[in-house]
Protein backbone atom coordinates (compact mmCIF):
# COMPACT_ATOMS: atom_id res chain seq x y z
CA MET A 1 27.09 -3.30 11.71
CA GLU A 2 27.69 -4.34 8.36
CA ILE A 3 27.89 -8.08 8.13
CA THR A 4 31.26 -9.50 6.50
CA LEU A 5 32.94 -12.95 6.03
CA LYS A 6 36.92 -13.55 5.47
CA GLY A 7 37.99 -13.14 2.16
CA ASP A 8 34.77 -11.81 1.44
CA LYS A 9 35.29 -10.47 -2.42
CA GLU A 10 32.85 -8.05 -3.83
CA PHE A 11 29.50 -9.44 -5.09
CA GLU A 12 28.31 -8.87 -8.38
CA ASP A 13 25.13 -6.32 -8.22
CA ILE A 14 22.76 -9.44 -8.72
CA PRO A 15 24.49 -12.06 -6.96
CA SER A 16 22.71 -15.41 -7.80
CA LEU A 17 20.48 -17.06 -5.27
CA LYS A 18 23.07 -19.87 -4.18
CA THR A 19 25.65 -17.10 -3.53
CA LYS A 20 22.69 -15.13 -1.08
CA ALA A 21 21.89 -18.63 0.77
CA LEU A 22 25.87 -19.73 0.83
CA ARG A 23 26.65 -16.28 1.75
CA ILE A 24 24.51 -16.65 4.80
CA ASN A 25 25.22 -20.09 5.22
CA LEU A 26 28.80 -19.50 5.60
CA ASN A 27 28.48 -16.85 8.39
CA GLU A 28 28.53 -19.13 11.55
CA ASN A 29 26.85 -16.64 13.89
CA ILE A 30 23.78 -16.53 11.74
CA TYR A 31 21.27 -19.28 13.23
CA GLY A 32 17.53 -19.56 12.88
CA THR A 33 14.57 -21.36 11.97
CA PHE A 34 12.13 -21.95 9.06
CA ALA A 35 8.53 -22.47 9.36
CA GLU A 36 6.62 -22.55 6.14
CA ILE A 37 2.83 -23.62 5.50
CA GLY A 38 0.86 -23.75 2.23
CA ALA A 39 3.56 -23.85 -0.19
CA GLY A 40 5.77 -26.21 0.20
CA GLN A 41 9.45 -25.52 2.21
CA GLU A 42 10.57 -23.62 -0.97
CA THR A 43 12.49 -21.00 1.21
CA VAL A 44 14.67 -23.23 2.90
CA ARG A 45 15.63 -25.31 0.06
CA GLN A 46 17.62 -22.98 -1.35
CA PHE A 47 19.74 -23.01 1.81
CA PHE A 48 20.06 -26.84 1.67
CA ARG A 49 21.05 -26.55 -1.66
CA ALA A 50 23.44 -23.91 -1.43
CA GLY A 51 25.55 -26.58 1.09
CA GLY A 52 26.96 -25.65 4.60
CA GLY A 53 23.49 -25.33 6.41
CA SER A 54 23.99 -27.09 9.45
CA GLY A 55 25.20 -24.23 11.02
CA THR A 56 22.51 -21.84 9.84
CA ILE A 57 19.61 -24.13 9.77
CA ALA A 58 18.66 -25.09 13.41
CA LYS A 59 14.93 -26.59 12.04
CA ALA A 60 13.08 -26.56 9.22
CA MET A 61 9.05 -27.08 9.74
CA SER A 62 5.76 -27.49 7.44
CA ALA A 63 2.50 -27.42 10.08
CA TYR A 64 -0.07 -27.88 7.27
CA ASP A 65 -2.52 -29.79 9.27
CA LYS A 66 -4.79 -27.29 10.58
CA ASP A 67 -5.33 -29.13 13.90
CA PHE A 68 -1.51 -29.46 14.53
CA SER A 69 -1.03 -25.76 13.35
CA ASP A 70 -3.36 -24.81 15.64
CA ALA A 71 -1.76 -26.92 18.47
CA ILE A 72 1.29 -25.21 17.47
CA TYR A 73 0.57 -21.59 17.57
CA GLY A 74 -2.73 -21.60 18.53
CA ILE A 75 -6.15 -20.70 17.05
CA GLU A 76 -7.13 -17.39 15.64
CA GLU A 77 -10.19 -15.49 16.45
CA ASP A 78 -11.42 -15.43 13.18
CA GLY A 79 -10.13 -18.67 12.00
CA ARG A 80 -7.89 -18.20 8.88
CA TYR A 81 -4.56 -19.15 8.71
CA VAL A 82 -3.41 -17.18 6.16
CA THR A 83 -3.26 -13.79 8.02
CA GLU A 84 -0.45 -11.24 9.31
CA ALA A 85 -1.71 -12.45 13.28
CA ARG A 86 -1.10 -16.06 12.07
CA LEU A 87 2.70 -15.11 10.59
CA ARG A 88 3.29 -12.95 13.99
CA LYS A 89 2.28 -15.55 16.23
CA MET A 90 4.89 -17.62 13.90
CA LEU A 91 8.08 -15.91 14.17
CA THR A 92 7.20 -15.14 18.22
CA HIS A 93 6.60 -18.61 18.92
CA GLU A 94 9.86 -19.53 16.64
CA ILE A 95 12.13 -16.96 18.10
CA ASN A 96 11.08 -18.16 21.83
CA LEU A 97 11.80 -22.00 21.11
CA ILE A 98 15.31 -20.70 20.21
CA GLU A 99 15.86 -18.47 22.98
CA GLU A 100 14.81 -21.70 25.07
CA ARG A 101 16.78 -24.51 23.83
CA ILE A 102 20.00 -22.48 22.84
CA ALA A 103 22.35 -21.92 25.76
CA ARG A 104 24.03 -18.39 25.30
CA ASP A 105 27.00 -18.92 27.34
CA LYS A 106 27.62 -21.71 24.64
CA HIS A 107 26.66 -19.67 22.14
CA PRO A 108 27.98 -16.04 22.63
CA ASN A 109 27.78 -14.91 18.99
CA LYS A 110 24.79 -16.43 17.76
CA MET A 111 22.41 -13.92 15.80
CA PHE A 112 19.24 -15.81 16.01
CA PHE A 113 16.25 -15.48 13.57
CA SER A 114 13.28 -17.02 12.65
CA TYR A 115 11.71 -16.79 9.04
CA ALA A 116 8.04 -17.77 8.25
CA ASN A 117 5.32 -17.75 5.91
CA THR A 118 1.69 -18.69 5.52
CA VAL A 119 0.14 -18.76 1.96
CA ALA A 120 -2.45 -19.96 -0.15
CA THR A 121 -1.51 -20.87 -3.68
CA ILE A 122 -3.75 -20.65 -6.58
CA ASP A 123 -6.76 -23.10 -6.22
CA PHE A 124 -7.77 -26.06 -8.96
CA ALA A 125 -10.12 -24.30 -10.42
CA LYS A 126 -7.72 -21.46 -10.90
CA LYS A 127 -10.49 -19.05 -9.51
CA TYR A 128 -8.09 -17.42 -7.03
CA LYS A 129 -4.29 -16.80 -7.39
CA GLY A 130 -3.26 -16.78 -4.09
CA HIS A 131 -1.37 -15.07 -1.97
CA GLY A 132 0.19 -14.91 1.40
CA TRP A 133 2.38 -13.38 4.87
CA VAL A 134 6.58 -13.61 4.66
CA GLY A 135 8.59 -11.98 7.44
CA ILE A 136 11.59 -12.56 9.26
CA LYS A 137 12.09 -11.91 13.20
CA TYR A 138 15.93 -11.55 13.62
CA GLN A 139 19.20 -10.04 15.76
CA ILE A 140 22.45 -8.27 14.22
CA GLU A 141 23.76 -8.59 17.60
CA PRO A 142 24.14 -11.55 19.65
CA ASP A 143 23.11 -9.54 22.72
CA ASP A 144 20.62 -7.85 21.32
CA SER A 145 16.96 -8.60 23.55
CA ALA A 146 15.05 -6.47 20.81
CA TYR A 147 14.72 -8.13 17.35
CA ASN A 148 13.83 -6.59 14.28
CA GLU A 149 11.27 -7.27 11.97
CA ILE A 150 10.15 -6.93 8.09
CA ILE A 151 6.92 -8.45 7.48
CA LEU A 152 5.09 -8.10 4.01
CA HIS A 153 2.15 -9.44 2.05
CA LEU A 154 2.24 -10.59 -1.60
CA ARG A 155 -0.18 -11.38 -4.30
CA PHE A 156 0.35 -14.55 -6.71
CA ARG A 157 0.05 -13.48 -10.34
CA GLU A 158 1.22 -16.77 -12.10
CA ASN A 159 -1.20 -19.29 -12.75
CA ASP A 160 0.52 -22.54 -11.68
CA ALA A 161 1.08 -23.59 -8.32
CA ARG A 162 4.21 -24.81 -8.90
CA LEU A 163 5.73 -21.89 -10.07
CA GLN A 164 4.12 -19.87 -7.22
CA GLN A 165 5.88 -22.21 -5.00
CA GLU A 166 9.43 -21.64 -6.70
CA THR A 167 8.62 -17.86 -6.68
CA LEU A 168 7.86 -17.80 -2.94
CA GLY A 169 11.52 -19.55 -2.09
CA ILE A 170 13.23 -17.06 -4.37
CA LEU A 171 11.82 -14.08 -2.43
CA GLY A 172 12.05 -15.51 0.87
CA THR A 173 15.94 -16.13 -0.05
CA ASN A 174 16.30 -12.18 -1.09
CA LEU A 175 14.02 -11.26 1.91
CA ILE A 176 16.18 -13.13 4.76
CA TYR A 177 19.91 -12.26 2.87
CA GLY A 178 18.32 -8.48 2.67
CA ALA A 179 17.90 -8.40 6.49
CA TYR A 180 20.98 -9.26 6.91
CA TYR A 181 23.24 -7.15 4.31
CA LYS A 182 21.22 -4.69 3.32
CA TYR A 183 19.51 -3.53 6.68
CA ASN A 184 21.11 -0.34 6.84
CA GLU A 185 19.61 0.45 3.10
CA PRO A 186 15.82 -0.14 3.21
CA LYS A 187 15.03 1.62 0.14
CA LYS A 188 17.88 -0.86 -1.74
CA LEU A 189 16.44 -3.66 0.25
CA LEU A 190 13.24 -3.36 -1.32
CA ARG A 191 14.25 -3.69 -4.89
CA TYR A 192 16.36 -6.56 -4.14
CA LEU A 193 13.33 -8.26 -2.88
CA TYR A 194 12.86 -8.37 -6.72
CA ASP A 195 16.41 -10.10 -7.88
CA HIS A 196 15.48 -12.82 -10.30
CA LEU A 197 12.07 -12.18 -10.17
CA ASP A 198 9.57 -10.58 -12.76
CA LYS A 199 7.13 -8.00 -11.58
CA ASP A 200 4.36 -10.66 -13.58
CA GLN A 201 5.46 -13.53 -10.88
CA ILE A 202 4.63 -11.35 -7.66
CA GLU A 203 2.86 -8.07 -6.33
CA ILE A 204 3.98 -7.32 -2.76
CA ASP A 205 1.15 -4.72 -1.86
CA THR A 206 1.98 -4.25 2.12
CA ILE A 207 5.46 -4.05 3.98
CA ASN A 208 6.36 -3.26 7.52
CA PHE A 209 9.65 -2.84 9.24
CA SER A 210 10.20 -2.68 13.00
CA GLY A 211 12.83 -3.13 15.36
CA PRO A 212 15.94 -1.32 16.66
CA VAL A 213 17.77 -1.16 13.15
CA PHE A 214 14.51 0.13 11.59
CA ASP A 215 13.78 3.27 14.52
CA ASN A 216 14.19 5.89 11.44
CA VAL A 217 12.39 3.93 8.79
CA ASP A 218 8.45 5.38 7.68
CA ASN A 219 6.92 2.50 6.88
CA ARG A 220 4.56 4.82 4.68
CA LEU A 221 7.57 6.25 2.72
CA MET A 222 8.67 2.55 2.53
CA SER A 223 5.11 1.54 0.83
CA LEU A 224 5.03 4.72 -1.50
CA GLN A 225 8.53 2.94 -3.12
CA LEU A 226 6.03 -0.16 -3.42
CA VAL A 227 4.08 2.04 -6.02
CA LYS A 228 6.89 4.10 -7.59
CA ASN A 229 9.06 0.85 -8.11
CA ASN A 230 5.59 -0.83 -9.69
CA MET A 231 5.75 -3.56 -7.26
CA THR A 232 2.08 -2.92 -6.72
CA ASP A 233 -0.57 -0.79 -7.83
CA ALA A 234 -1.60 0.97 -4.73
CA VAL A 235 -1.05 1.04 -1.29
CA MET A 236 -3.18 1.92 1.87
CA PHE A 237 -2.75 3.66 5.17
CA ALA A 238 -5.55 3.45 7.85
CA ALA A 239 -6.41 6.56 9.79
CA ASP A 240 -3.90 5.93 12.50
CA GLY A 241 -1.64 6.62 9.98
CA ASN A 242 -0.05 2.90 9.35
CA ASN A 243 0.23 1.20 6.40
CA VAL A 244 -2.49 -1.57 6.41
CA LEU A 245 -3.69 -4.62 3.72
CA PRO A 246 -6.20 -2.82 1.23
CA ALA A 247 -7.87 -6.51 1.38
CA LYS A 248 -8.60 -5.75 4.93
CA ILE A 249 -10.11 -2.60 4.72
CA LEU A 250 -12.11 -2.90 1.71
CA TYR A 251 -13.45 -6.41 1.48
CA LYS A 252 -16.80 -6.62 0.74
CA LYS A 253 -17.11 -3.07 1.48
CA ASN A 254 -19.65 -0.26 0.03
CA ILE A 255 -16.42 1.92 -0.94
CA LEU A 256 -17.28 5.83 -1.96
CA ALA A 257 -13.53 7.46 -2.83
CA LEU A 258 -12.86 10.68 -3.60
CA ARG A 259 -9.69 11.37 -5.76
CA GLY A 260 -7.90 14.80 -5.00
CA SER A 261 -4.17 15.96 -4.78
CA PHE A 262 -5.15 17.36 -1.35
CA ARG A 263 -2.35 19.41 -1.13
CA PRO A 264 -3.51 20.40 1.49
CA VAL A 265 -6.86 18.96 2.16
CA THR A 266 -9.48 22.10 2.09
CA LYS A 267 -12.60 23.05 3.50
CA VAL A 268 -14.10 21.92 -0.39
CA ASN A 269 -12.65 18.48 0.10
CA ILE A 270 -14.43 18.06 3.27
CA ASP A 271 -17.52 19.32 2.09
CA MET A 272 -17.68 16.97 -1.07
CA TYR A 273 -16.57 14.14 1.20
CA GLU A 274 -19.27 15.17 3.56
CA LYS A 275 -22.43 15.46 1.09
CA SER A 276 -21.44 12.71 -1.04
CA TYR A 277 -21.59 10.27 2.20
CA ASP A 278 -25.19 11.86 3.28
CA MET A 279 -26.11 10.75 -0.84
CA PHE A 280 -24.35 7.32 -0.96
CA VAL A 281 -25.83 6.03 2.14
CA LYS A 282 -29.07 6.74 1.72
CA GLU A 283 -28.59 4.53 -1.69
CA ASN A 284 -30.25 0.97 -2.12
CA LYS A 285 -27.90 -1.64 -1.24
CA VAL A 286 -25.46 0.44 1.00
CA ASP A 287 -24.94 -0.45 4.59
CA PRO A 288 -24.16 2.19 6.34
CA ASN A 289 -22.60 0.15 9.03
CA ASN A 290 -20.76 -1.49 5.98
CA THR A 291 -19.27 1.40 4.08
CA GLN A 292 -15.58 2.52 3.74
CA VAL A 293 -14.66 6.00 2.20
CA VAL A 294 -11.35 6.82 0.79
CA PHE A 295 -9.23 9.34 -0.18
CA GLU A 296 -6.86 8.55 -3.06
CA ILE A 297 -4.37 10.53 -4.81
CA THR A 298 -2.58 9.39 -7.68
CA LEU A 299 0.75 8.87 -9.10
CA SER A 300 0.33 10.93 -11.86
CA ASN A 301 -0.55 13.94 -8.95
CA LEU A 302 2.28 13.30 -6.78
CA ARG A 303 4.78 13.35 -10.13
CA ALA A 304 2.89 17.01 -11.16
CA GLU A 305 6.46 18.73 -11.00
CA GLY A 306 8.76 15.83 -12.10
CA GLU A 307 10.16 13.72 -9.35
CA ILE A 308 8.21 12.38 -6.84
CA ASP A 309 9.06 15.09 -3.67
CA GLU A 310 8.24 12.26 -0.96
CA GLN A 311 8.26 15.18 1.68
CA ASP A 312 5.19 16.69 -0.07
CA PHE A 313 3.46 13.11 -0.27
CA MET A 314 4.15 12.75 3.78
CA ASP A 315 2.30 16.35 4.51
CA ARG A 316 -0.70 14.53 2.30
CA ALA A 317 -0.89 11.72 4.03
CA LYS A 318 -0.72 12.83 7.64
CA LEU A 319 -3.09 15.28 7.45
CA LEU A 320 -5.58 13.28 5.73
CA CYS A 321 -4.85 10.84 8.56
CA SER A 322 -5.16 12.90 11.19
CA LEU A 323 -8.80 14.03 10.00
CA GLY A 324 -9.58 10.28 10.55
CA HIS A 325 -9.60 9.66 6.72
CA THR A 326 -7.88 5.98 5.07
CA VAL A 327 -5.67 7.02 2.23
CA LEU A 328 -4.99 4.44 -1.15
CA ILE A 329 -1.78 6.16 -2.90
CA SER A 330 -2.29 4.23 -6.54
CA ASN A 331 -0.75 4.63 -9.64
CA PHE A 332 -4.65 4.51 -11.65
CA GLN A 333 -4.49 7.29 -13.99
CA GLU A 334 -7.91 6.43 -15.14
CA TYR A 335 -10.74 6.30 -12.81
CA TYR A 336 -12.17 2.82 -14.80
CA LYS A 337 -8.29 1.11 -13.24
CA LEU A 338 -9.48 2.80 -9.96
CA VAL A 339 -13.08 0.60 -10.06
CA GLU A 340 -11.67 -2.46 -11.25
CA TYR A 341 -9.10 -2.38 -8.33
CA PHE A 342 -11.85 -1.74 -5.72
CA SER A 343 -13.85 -4.74 -7.59
CA GLN A 344 -10.93 -7.18 -7.01
CA TYR A 345 -12.47 -6.66 -2.79
CA SER A 346 -15.91 -6.01 -3.22
CA LYS A 347 -18.93 -6.23 -5.49
CA ASN A 348 -21.33 -4.01 -3.68
CA ARG A 349 -22.07 -0.82 -4.58
CA MET A 350 -19.17 1.89 -5.03
CA GLY A 351 -19.20 5.84 -5.63
CA LEU A 352 -17.07 8.41 -6.61
CA ALA A 353 -17.03 12.05 -5.57
CA MET A 354 -15.77 14.54 -7.93
CA GLY A 355 -15.57 18.03 -9.21
CA VAL A 356 -16.58 18.89 -12.45
CA ASN A 357 -13.23 19.04 -14.08
CA ASN A 358 -12.63 15.75 -12.96
CA LEU A 359 -15.59 14.54 -14.81
CA VAL A 360 -14.79 16.66 -18.30
CA ASP A 361 -11.66 14.58 -17.62
CA ILE A 362 -13.19 11.15 -17.92
CA PHE A 363 -14.85 11.91 -21.33
CA ASP A 364 -11.39 12.77 -23.05
CA GLU A 365 -10.68 10.18 -25.54
CA LYS A 366 -6.83 10.67 -25.12
CA TYR A 367 -6.70 8.84 -22.32
CA TYR A 368 -8.05 5.83 -23.75
CA ARG A 369 -6.40 5.25 -26.77
CA HIS A 370 -4.36 2.54 -25.45
CA LEU A 371 -7.45 0.67 -25.14
CA SER A 372 -8.23 -1.36 -27.92
CA GLY A 373 -12.11 -0.43 -27.73
CA GLY A 374 -11.20 3.10 -26.73
CA ILE A 375 -13.25 5.22 -24.66
CA LEU A 376 -16.18 2.66 -24.96
CA GLU A 377 -14.45 -0.34 -23.41
CA ALA A 378 -13.09 2.20 -20.21
CA PHE A 379 -16.90 3.16 -19.87
CA GLY A 380 -18.01 -0.38 -19.72
CA LYS A 381 -15.38 -1.16 -17.25
CA LEU A 382 -16.22 2.40 -15.19
CA PHE A 383 -20.15 2.00 -15.10
CA PHE A 384 -20.67 -1.73 -15.64
CA LYS A 385 -20.01 -1.70 -12.22
CA ASP A 386 -22.70 -1.06 -9.53
CA LEU A 387 -21.13 2.03 -9.51
CA ARG A 388 -22.77 6.11 -9.12
CA VAL A 389 -20.59 9.67 -10.05
CA TYR A 390 -20.94 12.50 -7.08
CA LEU A 391 -21.14 15.54 -8.58
CA TYR A 392 -19.46 18.84 -7.06
CA PRO A 393 -20.41 21.95 -8.79
CA MET A 394 -17.78 24.06 -10.03
CA VAL A 395 -17.98 28.34 -10.01
CA ASN A 396 -17.12 29.95 -13.16
CA ASP A 397 -15.48 33.35 -13.42
CA ASP A 398 -18.53 35.36 -14.20
CA GLY A 399 -20.43 33.33 -10.75
CA THR A 400 -22.41 31.14 -12.36
CA LEU A 401 -22.61 27.61 -11.77
CA THR A 402 -21.39 24.38 -13.82
CA ASP A 403 -23.13 21.10 -12.80
CA SER A 404 -24.06 17.60 -14.62
CA GLU A 405 -27.04 20.16 -16.38
CA ASN A 406 -24.66 22.05 -18.14
CA LEU A 407 -21.04 20.85 -18.48
CA LYS A 408 -19.74 20.79 -21.60
CA VAL A 409 -18.06 17.74 -23.13
CA HIS A 410 -16.49 16.96 -26.66
CA PRO A 411 -19.46 16.81 -29.25
CA ARG A 412 -18.50 14.00 -30.03
CA MET A 413 -19.10 12.26 -26.41
CA LYS A 414 -22.62 14.52 -25.32
CA GLU A 415 -24.82 11.42 -26.72
CA LEU A 416 -22.63 9.19 -24.55
CA TYR A 417 -22.21 11.58 -21.33
CA LYS A 418 -26.37 11.72 -21.54
CA PHE A 419 -26.78 8.35 -21.58
CA PHE A 420 -24.88 7.76 -18.28
CA LYS A 421 -26.81 10.72 -17.13
CA TYR A 422 -30.01 9.95 -17.61
CA ASN A 423 -29.48 6.61 -16.31
CA GLY A 424 -28.66 7.87 -13.17
CA LYS A 425 -25.03 7.55 -13.19
CA VAL A 426 -23.95 10.93 -12.44
CA VAL A 427 -25.91 12.80 -9.79
CA ASP A 428 -25.37 16.26 -8.23
CA ILE A 429 -24.55 16.91 -4.99
CA THR A 430 -27.28 19.81 -4.15
CA ASP A 431 -26.66 20.58 -0.66
CA TYR A 432 -23.10 22.14 -0.92
CA ASP A 433 -21.88 24.96 0.62
CA PRO A 434 -21.90 28.06 -1.82
CA SER A 435 -19.31 30.24 0.39
CA ILE A 436 -16.71 27.88 -0.42
CA LEU A 437 -16.93 26.76 -4.04
CA THR A 438 -13.81 29.70 -4.54
CA ILE A 439 -11.50 27.75 -2.24
CA PHE A 440 -8.78 25.78 -4.24
CA SER A 441 -5.83 24.07 -2.94
CA ARG A 442 -2.96 25.92 -5.55
CA THR A 443 -4.61 29.30 -3.86
CA VAL A 444 -3.63 27.89 -0.19
CA LEU A 445 -0.27 26.41 -1.12
CA LYS A 446 0.84 29.42 -2.57
CA ALA A 447 -0.34 31.71 0.48
CA ILE A 448 1.71 29.48 2.44
CA ALA A 449 5.06 29.98 0.07
CA ASP A 450 4.40 33.78 0.18
CA GLY A 451 3.65 34.36 3.56
CA ASP A 452 -0.04 35.97 3.13
CA GLU A 453 -2.57 35.93 5.38
CA GLY A 454 -6.16 34.12 5.46
CA TRP A 455 -5.50 30.94 4.27
CA GLU A 456 -6.28 29.15 7.75
CA ALA A 457 -9.78 29.77 6.75
CA MET A 458 -9.83 28.27 3.21
CA LEU A 459 -9.07 24.71 5.32
CA PRO A 460 -11.15 22.40 7.82
CA PRO A 461 -11.08 23.11 11.59
CA GLY A 462 -7.58 21.76 13.34
CA VAL A 463 -5.59 21.56 9.99
CA ALA A 464 -3.96 24.78 9.63
CA LYS A 465 -2.68 24.19 13.04
CA ILE A 466 -1.21 20.70 11.94
CA ILE A 467 0.42 22.60 8.91
CA LYS A 468 2.40 25.23 11.43
CA GLU A 469 3.02 22.50 14.05
CA LYS A 470 4.52 20.32 11.78
CA GLY A 471 5.94 22.78 8.88
CA LEU A 472 4.12 20.96 6.55
CA PHE A 473 4.36 22.09 2.79
CA GLY A 474 7.31 24.48 3.88
CA TYR A 475 5.46 26.26 6.21
CA GLU A 476 8.60 25.87 8.89
CA ALA A 477 11.36 26.81 6.33
CA GLU A 478 9.30 29.72 4.64
CA GLU A 479 8.62 31.17 8.35
CA VAL A 480 12.23 30.91 9.19
CA PHE A 481 13.23 32.46 6.19
CA ARG A 482 11.25 35.76 6.51
CA GLU A 483 12.56 36.31 9.93
CA GLN A 484 15.89 36.28 8.44
C-alpha cells in the first residue's frame, strides 16, 4: 500500500524536514506516540514545528528519571537503560496504550505507530561520544494485528551534546517518514535516513526490519548496505545468522580474528582457526571463557570482481554461521584498522590468525602511503596493542614450506620484520595438518563451476551438503545447466 495525500505533488528528491513532518501530520490516518529518553524531545519537536500535528501526535513524553522510567517500562536485568531490550519495551508499552485507549469503532481508519529512542549523548569529559537505540513500531493498514518494526543502533560522532540532539531529531524524522512512504523500498529507506545529515555526524551500525511488510527483507543484506553506503565501518552476524550489535559481542573480550574470502570456507580455514585458537587461549591474560573468535570478510574481498555480488556475500555468511561462527563484514583493507576497531570495545589481548601471503602484504609499504608516518605509523597502531599474529605456513610449488623463519619481505622491511618476529609478536602455527596445505578456496570454487568431482573432500564436514542443498556459489544453476 502506497500512502498518498489528496493533491499531493511530486516531492523533491530530498524533501525538507518540515515537508516530511508535514506530510505525516496531514495524513489524517497516521496517529501515534513519541517516547524519547536521553537527548530531549528532538524528534517530536520537528512535528510540532511543522504544524498540523494535533491529529498525529497522541502523546509526547520523556521519562528521564530512572525510577520513573522503571515504573513505566520495568527494570532491565542488566540495570542499563540504553539497550535494545529497553527500546523494545518502550515501543510495545506505548502501542499497547494506544490500543487500550483509542476505540477502533470511533477511529476505524487510524494507523497506529509508536516512535521511541533511548540514548546517551557525549559525557561532560568528552571521553565517550555517546550512542543510542532508535525505533518505530507501526501499521500501514488500520486493521493490521501484526505491527511492523524498524530498529537501529547509532553512534554519535559529534563532540557537542546539543548537536547530537539535533542530529537525533533529524534521524528520527527521516525514520518515521521512510517507514510510511518508503517501506516498500527498504534499501532506499536506509539511504534516506541520512537526508540532511553527514556521515561524520552519525554512524548506524545495526538495523533490523521485521513485520509483515518486511517478510522478504534479509537483514543481513540490509547490514551489507550499511557498509556499502559507508554508514558504518563494520557489521556483525552472530552464529544464528542474525544481525548483532558488535559491542554486545566484543565488549571487554579477548578477540581472535581470521580474515579471508571464505569462498567457500575450506579445511585449511578451519584448521587455521582451531590451531590458532588452541595457542591463543594458552597465552597469558587470555581467559578461554571470555574469548570471542571472529571470521572477518573485508569489503575489498567482496569487490574482488567489481561490484559486490550480494548473493555471493550471502553464501559466505550462511556457511560460516552454519558452522557456528561469528562473522564480521568490514571496510578495513589494512589490518591495523581492524585492530583499532576492536580496540573500541576491548583492551584485552588480541590475536590475528593469517597465512604467509597476508603477513607479507602487511609489510608492503604501498598500503600506508596515505599515512603521514607511513608503515611505521601503521605498525605502531597494529602492534602497540596487546596483539600477536599466529602464522599458518604455506606450501611452495617444490613442496617446501614457508613460515615466519624464511618468509621474504621487501629488503627495506627486513629489520622491521625481525624486530616484531623476535619480540614474540609473530609466532608460527606448528601443529597444522600437512595433508591439507594444497587446498585453496579458488580451487574449490572453480571445481564447483566446472562440475568437477572431488571438491567436497576439501571442505569441513557438512559444508558440501549445505552448498548442494541451498545451491550456494552457483552450484544449483550449474547442475541445471549440465542436465540441459
